[in-house]
Amino acid sequence: MVGQSLKVNDFMLIFEPFVYSMNDEVQMIRIVFGLIMLVHGLIHLMGFVKAFEFAEISQLTSFISRSRGMLWLLVALLFTAAVIVFVLKQDGWWMMALPAVVLSQILIILAWQDAKFGMIANGIILIACVLAYGQWDFNRMVRHELQRFVPQTIETSRTIRKAEITHLPPIVQQWLKTAGIIGQPLTQTVHLHQQGKMRTEPDGPWMK
């Protein structure tokens, strides 16, 4: 029984860095996006610092209570965690980034005059989260479908006997004997994880 783990071959070239590595140009886009999310997250520390009066933050003129300052810290931590998971190329990074975007947007609205431009970064990250969710949901569906191919019960392990290959062509029998398959446990299930590359046009870049 052969199963195959699939990855998304997604929609538009510009959004492929959020789905899989393709080439140097896309890798650069991944790096830029990761930096945007990291810097955006770290900027939220300013609200935390101002709330607890660790330093004078002239960029934030509105009052920030300590309880709200803890929310600014939480957003910074969520974005930082999302960046780490994103760099590790795990498709669940959006689970931390999405609540961070929601909380960040609420804080931006509460400090609109000082933080309104943060809405741009939130918009970029939100689009990436939607695409990342699509990949995550697709991979989850594939894993579920693969489980249907795995037998619920597997017969007791047994060894391969010489009589079981007598129906094969002599050259195949000789190859199997040379490989030492006789007397070995019978393989009943196999799970393959394949990787490949393709391109959408004859002279286009290769996509992994």
C-alpha atoms as a PDB file:
ATOM      1  CA  MET A   1       0.000   0.000   0.000  1.00  0.00           C
ATOM      2  CA  VAL A   2       1.554   3.253  -1.054  1.00  0.00           C
ATOM      3  CA  GLY A   3       0.570   6.627   0.373  1.00  0.00           C
ATOM      4  CA  GLN A   4       1.870   9.925  -0.902  1.00  0.00           C
ATOM      5  CA  SER A   5       2.173  13.181   1.043  1.00  0.00           C
ATOM      6  CA  LEU A   6       1.215  16.108  -1.143  1.00  0.00           C
ATOM      7  CA  LYS A   7       2.058  19.789  -0.883  1.00  0.00           C
ATOM      8  CA  VAL A   8       0.089  22.689  -2.330  1.00  0.00           C
ATOM      9  CA  ASN A   9       1.026  23.965  -5.779  1.00  0.00           C
ATOM     10  CA  ASP A  10      -0.677  27.254  -5.081  1.00  0.00           C
ATOM     11  CA  PHE A  11      -2.136  30.063  -7.002  1.00  0.00           C
ATOM     12  CA  MET A  12      -0.044  33.137  -7.708  1.00  0.00           C
ATOM     13  CA  LEU A  13       3.722  33.449  -7.923  1.00  0.00           C
ATOM     14  CA  ILE A  14       3.834  36.455  -5.639  1.00  0.00           C
ATOM     15  CA  PHE A  15       2.205  34.487  -2.804  1.00  0.00           C
ATOM     16  CA  GLU A  16       4.195  31.268  -3.229  1.00  0.00           C
ATOM     17  CA  PRO A  17       6.751  32.202  -0.530  1.00  0.00           C
ATOM     18  CA  PHE A  18       4.034  31.605   2.029  1.00  0.00           C
ATOM     19  CA  VAL A  19       3.491  28.107   0.670  1.00  0.00           C
ATOM     20  CA  TYR A  20       6.866  26.635  -0.286  1.00  0.00           C
ATOM     21  CA  SER A  21      10.389  27.536  -1.324  1.00  0.00           C
ATOM     22  CA  MET A  22      10.832  27.965  -5.061  1.00  0.00           C
ATOM     23  CA  ASN A  23      13.945  29.925  -5.993  1.00  0.00           C
ATOM     24  CA  ASP A  24      16.264  32.644  -4.755  1.00  0.00           C
ATOM     25  CA  GLU A  25      13.841  35.433  -5.639  1.00  0.00           C
ATOM     26  CA  VAL A  26      11.006  33.849  -3.709  1.00  0.00           C
ATOM     27  CA  GLN A  27      13.320  33.067  -0.819  1.00  0.00           C
ATOM     28  CA  MET A  28      14.104  36.767  -0.674  1.00  0.00           C
ATOM     29  CA  ILE A  29      10.379  37.550  -0.512  1.00  0.00           C
ATOM     30  CA  ARG A  30      10.081  35.078   2.368  1.00  0.00           C
ATOM     31  CA  ILE A  31      12.882  36.865   4.189  1.00  0.00           C
ATOM     32  CA  VAL A  32      11.314  40.288   3.590  1.00  0.00           C
ATOM     33  CA  PHE A  33       7.941  39.089   4.829  1.00  0.00           C
ATOM     34  CA  GLY A  34       9.515  37.502   7.905  1.00  0.00           C
ATOM     35  CA  LEU A  35      11.312  40.762   8.673  1.00  0.00           C
ATOM     36  CA  ILE A  36       8.108  42.778   8.228  1.00  0.00           C
ATOM     37  CA  MET A  37       6.301  40.530  10.686  1.00  0.00           C
ATOM     38  CA  LEU A  38       9.207  40.572  13.150  1.00  0.00           C
ATOM     39  CA  VAL A  39       9.694  44.351  13.081  1.00  0.00           C
ATOM     40  CA  HIS A  40       5.941  44.917  13.276  1.00  0.00           C
ATOM     41  CA  GLY A  41       5.797  42.674  16.323  1.00  0.00           C
ATOM     42  CA  LEU A  42       8.752  44.312  18.054  1.00  0.00           C
ATOM     43  CA  ILE A  43       7.258  47.773  17.520  1.00  0.00           C
ATOM     44  CA  HIS A  44       4.444  46.712  19.842  1.00  0.00           C
ATOM     45  CA  LEU A  45       6.980  46.620  22.662  1.00  0.00           C
ATOM     46  CA  MET A  46       6.842  50.423  22.554  1.00  0.00           C
ATOM     47  CA  GLY A  47       3.329  50.309  23.973  1.00  0.00           C
ATOM     48  CA  PHE A  48       4.460  47.984  26.743  1.00  0.00           C
ATOM     49  CA  VAL A  49       7.464  50.180  27.580  1.00  0.00           C
ATOM     50  CA  LYS A  50       5.316  53.317  27.655  1.00  0.00           C
ATOM     51  CA  ALA A  51       2.632  51.724  29.836  1.00  0.00           C
ATOM     52  CA  PHE A  52       5.166  50.691  32.488  1.00  0.00           C
ATOM     53  CA  GLU A  53       7.205  53.871  32.052  1.00  0.00           C
ATOM     54  CA  PHE A  54      10.451  52.027  31.382  1.00  0.00           C
ATOM     55  CA  ALA A  55      11.418  54.784  28.928  1.00  0.00           C
ATOM     56  CA  GLU A  56       9.994  57.863  27.286  1.00  0.00           C
ATOM     57  CA  ILE A  57       8.275  56.932  24.006  1.00  0.00           C
ATOM     58  CA  SER A  58       7.602  60.205  22.187  1.00  0.00           C
ATOM     59  CA  GLN A  59       6.036  58.387  19.214  1.00  0.00           C
ATOM     60  CA  LEU A  60       3.072  57.382  21.391  1.00  0.00           C
ATOM     61  CA  THR A  61       1.316  60.445  22.742  1.00  0.00           C
ATOM     62  CA  SER A  62      -1.890  58.837  24.026  1.00  0.00           C
ATOM     63  CA  PHE A  63      -2.161  57.332  27.504  1.00  0.00           C
ATOM     64  CA  ILE A  64      -1.658  53.538  27.726  1.00  0.00           C
ATOM     65  CA  SER A  65      -2.726  51.781  30.903  1.00  0.00           C
ATOM     66  CA  ARG A  66      -0.671  48.919  32.307  1.00  0.00           C
ATOM     67  CA  SER A  67      -3.365  46.381  31.476  1.00  0.00           C
ATOM     68  CA  ARG A  68      -3.378  47.601  27.880  1.00  0.00           C
ATOM     69  CA  GLY A  69       0.415  47.590  27.934  1.00  0.00           C
ATOM     70  CA  MET A  70       0.308  43.867  28.688  1.00  0.00           C
ATOM     71  CA  LEU A  71      -1.745  43.416  25.524  1.00  0.00           C
ATOM     72  CA  TRP A  72       0.941  45.241  23.537  1.00  0.00           C
ATOM     73  CA  LEU A  73       3.486  42.816  24.998  1.00  0.00           C
ATOM     74  CA  LEU A  74       1.280  39.825  24.186  1.00  0.00           C
ATOM     75  CA  VAL A  75       1.004  40.928  20.553  1.00  0.00           C
ATOM     76  CA  ALA A  76       4.785  41.312  20.316  1.00  0.00           C
ATOM     77  CA  LEU A  77       5.272  37.792  21.705  1.00  0.00           C
ATOM     78  CA  LEU A  78       2.678  36.290  19.348  1.00  0.00           C
ATOM     79  CA  PHE A  79       4.256  37.896  16.278  1.00  0.00           C
ATOM     80  CA  THR A  80       7.726  36.795  17.397  1.00  0.00           C
ATOM     81  CA  ALA A  81       6.537  33.210  17.903  1.00  0.00           C
ATOM     82  CA  ALA A  82       4.847  33.280  14.479  1.00  0.00           C
ATOM     83  CA  VAL A  83       8.099  34.426  12.867  1.00  0.00           C
ATOM     84  CA  ILE A  84      10.034  31.581  14.489  1.00  0.00           C
ATOM     85  CA  VAL A  85       7.525  28.996  13.266  1.00  0.00           C
ATOM     86  CA  PHE A  86       7.472  30.651   9.814  1.00  0.00           C
ATOM     87  CA  VAL A  87      11.278  30.502   9.560  1.00  0.00           C
ATOM     88  CA  LEU A  88      11.118  26.802  10.479  1.00  0.00           C
ATOM     89  CA  LYS A  89       8.718  26.393   7.504  1.00  0.00           C
ATOM     90  CA  GLN A  90       5.905  24.959   9.592  1.00  0.00           C
ATOM     91  CA  ASP A  91       2.505  25.573   8.009  1.00  0.00           C
ATOM     92  CA  GLY A  92       0.807  26.404  11.322  1.00  0.00           C
ATOM     93  CA  TRP A  93       2.522  29.765  11.849  1.00  0.00           C
ATOM     94  CA  TRP A  94      -0.696  31.561  10.940  1.00  0.00           C
ATOM     95  CA  MET A  95      -2.352  30.242  14.132  1.00  0.00           C
ATOM     96  CA  MET A  96      -0.220  32.661  16.152  1.00  0.00           C
ATOM     97  CA  ALA A  97      -0.099  35.460  13.589  1.00  0.00           C
ATOM     98  CA  LEU A  98      -3.863  35.720  13.095  1.00  0.00           C
ATOM     99  CA  PRO A  99      -4.823  36.471  16.733  1.00  0.00           C
ATOM    100  CA  ALA A 100      -1.822  38.796  16.865  1.00  0.00           C
ATOM    101  CA  VAL A 101      -3.200  40.721  13.878  1.00  0.00           C
ATOM    102  CA  VAL A 102      -6.655  40.979  15.488  1.00  0.00           C
ATOM    103  CA  LEU A 103      -5.278  42.220  18.812  1.00  0.00           C
ATOM    104  CA  SER A 104      -2.855  44.536  17.056  1.00  0.00           C
ATOM    105  CA  GLN A 105      -5.639  46.110  15.030  1.00  0.00           C
ATOM    106  CA  ILE A 106      -7.685  46.725  18.170  1.00  0.00           C
ATOM    107  CA  LEU A 107      -4.705  48.418  19.819  1.00  0.00           C
ATOM    108  CA  ILE A 108      -4.063  50.472  16.693  1.00  0.00           C
ATOM    109  CA  ILE A 109      -7.655  51.714  16.710  1.00  0.00           C
ATOM    110  CA  LEU A 110      -7.324  52.673  20.381  1.00  0.00           C
ATOM    111  CA  ALA A 111      -4.154  54.630  19.570  1.00  0.00           C
ATOM    112  CA  TRP A 112      -5.163  55.626  16.042  1.00  0.00           C
ATOM    113  CA  GLN A 113      -3.314  58.932  15.733  1.00  0.00           C
ATOM    114  CA  ASP A 114       0.003  57.377  16.736  1.00  0.00           C
ATOM    115  CA  ALA A 115      -0.271  53.846  15.328  1.00  0.00           C
ATOM    116  CA  LYS A 116      -2.513  54.036  12.252  1.00  0.00           C
ATOM    117  CA  PHE A 117       0.258  53.082   9.797  1.00  0.00           C
ATOM    118  CA  GLY A 118       0.567  49.718  11.545  1.00  0.00           C
ATOM    119  CA  MET A 119      -2.646  48.829   9.751  1.00  0.00           C
ATOM    120  CA  ILE A 120      -0.623  48.378   6.538  1.00  0.00           C
ATOM    121  CA  ALA A 121       1.577  45.701   8.083  1.00  0.00           C
ATOM    122  CA  ASN A 122      -1.484  44.013   9.580  1.00  0.00           C
ATOM    123  CA  GLY A 123      -3.079  43.913   6.136  1.00  0.00           C
ATOM    124  CA  ILE A 124      -0.028  42.256   4.583  1.00  0.00           C
ATOM    125  CA  ILE A 125       0.189  39.690   7.368  1.00  0.00           C
ATOM    126  CA  LEU A 126      -3.557  39.011   7.190  1.00  0.00           C
ATOM    127  CA  ILE A 127      -3.348  38.179   3.474  1.00  0.00           C
ATOM    128  CA  ALA A 128      -0.450  35.836   4.189  1.00  0.00           C
ATOM    129  CA  CYS A 129      -2.456  34.196   6.987  1.00  0.00           C
ATOM    130  CA  VAL A 130      -5.356  33.501   4.627  1.00  0.00           C
ATOM    131  CA  LEU A 131      -3.030  31.842   2.116  1.00  0.00           C
ATOM    132  CA  ALA A 132      -1.209  29.908   4.838  1.00  0.00           C
ATOM    133  CA  TYR A 133      -4.545  28.668   6.167  1.00  0.00           C
ATOM    134  CA  GLY A 134      -5.353  27.361   2.682  1.00  0.00           C
ATOM    135  CA  GLN A 135      -2.126  25.342   2.669  1.00  0.00           C
ATOM    136  CA  TRP A 136      -2.670  24.085   6.206  1.00  0.00           C
ATOM    137  CA  ASP A 137      -6.253  23.027   5.443  1.00  0.00           C
ATOM    138  CA  PHE A 138      -5.177  21.275   2.235  1.00  0.00           C
ATOM    139  CA  ASN A 139      -2.416  19.347   4.011  1.00  0.00           C
ATOM    140  CA  ARG A 140      -4.833  18.407   6.795  1.00  0.00           C
ATOM    141  CA  MET A 141      -7.266  17.062   4.211  1.00  0.00           C
ATOM    142  CA  VAL A 142      -4.475  15.059   2.554  1.00  0.00           C
ATOM    143  CA  ARG A 143      -3.418  13.555   5.889  1.00  0.00           C
ATOM    144  CA  HIS A 144      -7.038  12.595   6.559  1.00  0.00           C
ATOM    145  CA  GLU A 145      -7.367  11.007   3.122  1.00  0.00           C
ATOM    146  CA  LEU A 146      -4.142   9.059   3.631  1.00  0.00           C
ATOM    147  CA  GLN A 147      -5.554   7.501   6.782  1.00  0.00           C
ATOM    148  CA  ARG A 148      -8.277   5.939   4.649  1.00  0.00           C
ATOM    149  CA  PHE A 149      -5.634   3.984   2.723  1.00  0.00           C
ATOM    150  CA  VAL A 150      -4.025   2.556   5.849  1.00  0.00           C
ATOM    151  CA  PRO A 151      -5.668  -0.751   6.824  1.00  0.00           C
ATOM    152  CA  GLN A 152      -7.304  -0.731  10.239  1.00  0.00           C
ATOM    153  CA  THR A 153      -5.909  -4.171  10.983  1.00  0.00           C
ATOM    154  CA  ILE A 154      -2.643  -5.624   9.723  1.00  0.00           C
ATOM    155  CA  GLU A 155      -2.097  -9.363   9.546  1.00  0.00           C
ATOM    156  CA  THR A 156       0.551 -10.928  11.718  1.00  0.00           C
ATOM    157  CA  SER A 157       4.002 -10.296  10.307  1.00  0.00           C
ATOM    158  CA  ARG A 158       5.388 -13.152   8.264  1.00  0.00           C
ATOM    159  CA  THR A 159       8.498 -13.785   6.215  1.00  0.00           C
ATOM    160  CA  ILE A 160       8.762 -14.088   2.442  1.00  0.00           C
ATOM    161  CA  ARG A 161       9.159 -17.642   1.180  1.00  0.00           C
ATOM    162  CA  LYS A 162      10.892 -18.796  -1.964  1.00  0.00           C
ATOM    163  CA  ALA A 163       7.664 -20.340  -3.266  1.00  0.00           C
ATOM    164  CA  GLU A 164       6.031 -16.912  -3.330  1.00  0.00           C
ATOM    165  CA  ILE A 165       8.283 -15.613  -6.095  1.00  0.00           C
ATOM    166  CA  THR A 166       8.274 -18.645  -8.405  1.00  0.00           C
ATOM    167  CA  HIS A 167       5.607 -17.061 -10.622  1.00  0.00           C
ATOM    168  CA  LEU A 168       7.904 -14.146 -11.438  1.00  0.00           C
ATOM    169  CA  PRO A 169      10.260 -14.042 -14.465  1.00  0.00           C
ATOM    170  CA  PRO A 170      13.590 -15.827 -13.781  1.00  0.00           C
ATOM    171  CA  ILE A 171      15.592 -12.602 -13.989  1.00  0.00           C
ATOM    172  CA  VAL A 172      13.319 -10.985 -11.381  1.00  0.00           C
ATOM    173  CA  GLN A 173      13.580 -14.039  -9.145  1.00  0.00           C
ATOM    174  CA  GLN A 174      17.369 -13.912  -9.383  1.00  0.00           C
ATOM    175  CA  TRP A 175      17.401 -10.212  -8.557  1.00  0.00           C
ATOM    176  CA  LEU A 176      15.178 -10.712  -5.512  1.00  0.00           C
ATOM    177  CA  LYS A 177      17.313 -13.614  -4.277  1.00  0.00           C
ATOM    178  CA  THR A 178      20.480 -11.571  -4.723  1.00  0.00           C
ATOM    179  CA  ALA A 179      18.840  -8.723  -2.827  1.00  0.00           C
ATOM    180  CA  GLY A 180      18.309 -11.156   0.035  1.00  0.00           C
ATOM    181  CA  ILE A 181      14.530 -10.799   0.181  1.00  0.00           C
ATOM    182  CA  ILE A 182      13.910 -14.477   0.979  1.00  0.00           C
ATOM    183  CA  GLY A 183      13.338 -14.892   4.688  1.00  0.00           C
ATOM    184  CA  GLN A 184      12.810 -11.170   5.260  1.00  0.00           C
ATOM    185  CA  PRO A 185       9.606  -9.782   6.864  1.00  0.00           C
ATOM    186  CA  LEU A 186       6.862  -8.980   4.368  1.00  0.00           C
ATOM    187  CA  THR A 187       6.366  -5.229   3.926  1.00  0.00           C
ATOM    188  CA  GLN A 188       2.646  -4.527   4.192  1.00  0.00           C
ATOM    189  CA  THR A 189       2.385  -0.745   4.165  1.00  0.00           C
ATOM    190  CA  VAL A 190       4.632   1.974   2.775  1.00  0.00           C
ATOM    191  CA  HIS A 191       4.292   5.733   3.230  1.00  0.00           C
ATOM    192  CA  LEU A 192       6.222   7.770   0.676  1.00  0.00           C
ATOM    193  CA  HIS A 193       6.959  11.487   0.965  1.00  0.00           C
ATOM    194  CA  GLN A 194       7.951  12.658  -2.503  1.00  0.00           C
ATOM    195  CA  GLN A 195       9.535  15.888  -3.620  1.00  0.00           C
ATOM    196  CA  GLY A 196       9.807  17.194  -7.140  1.00  0.00           C
ATOM    197  CA  LYS A 197       9.978  20.342  -9.196  1.00  0.00           C
ATOM    198  CA  MET A 198       7.981  21.831 -12.052  1.00  0.00           C
ATOM    199  CA  ARG A 199       7.657  25.039 -14.025  1.00  0.00           C
ATOM    200  CA  THR A 200       4.620  26.737 -15.505  1.00  0.00           C
ATOM    201  CA  GLU A 201       6.262  27.692 -18.804  1.00  0.00           C
ATOM    202  CA  PRO A 202       9.188  26.316 -20.872  1.00  0.00           C
ATOM    203  CA  ASP A 203      11.648  29.038 -19.819  1.00  0.00           C
ATOM    204  CA  GLY A 204      10.116  29.741 -16.403  1.00  0.00           C
ATOM    205  CA  PRO A 205      11.840  29.179 -13.062  1.00  0.00           C
ATOM    206  CA  TRP A 206      11.762  25.750 -11.485  1.00  0.00           C
ATOM    207  CA  MET A 207       9.393  25.403  -8.533  1.00  0.00           C
ATOM    208  CA  LYS A 208      10.071  22.839  -5.810  1.00  0.00           C
END
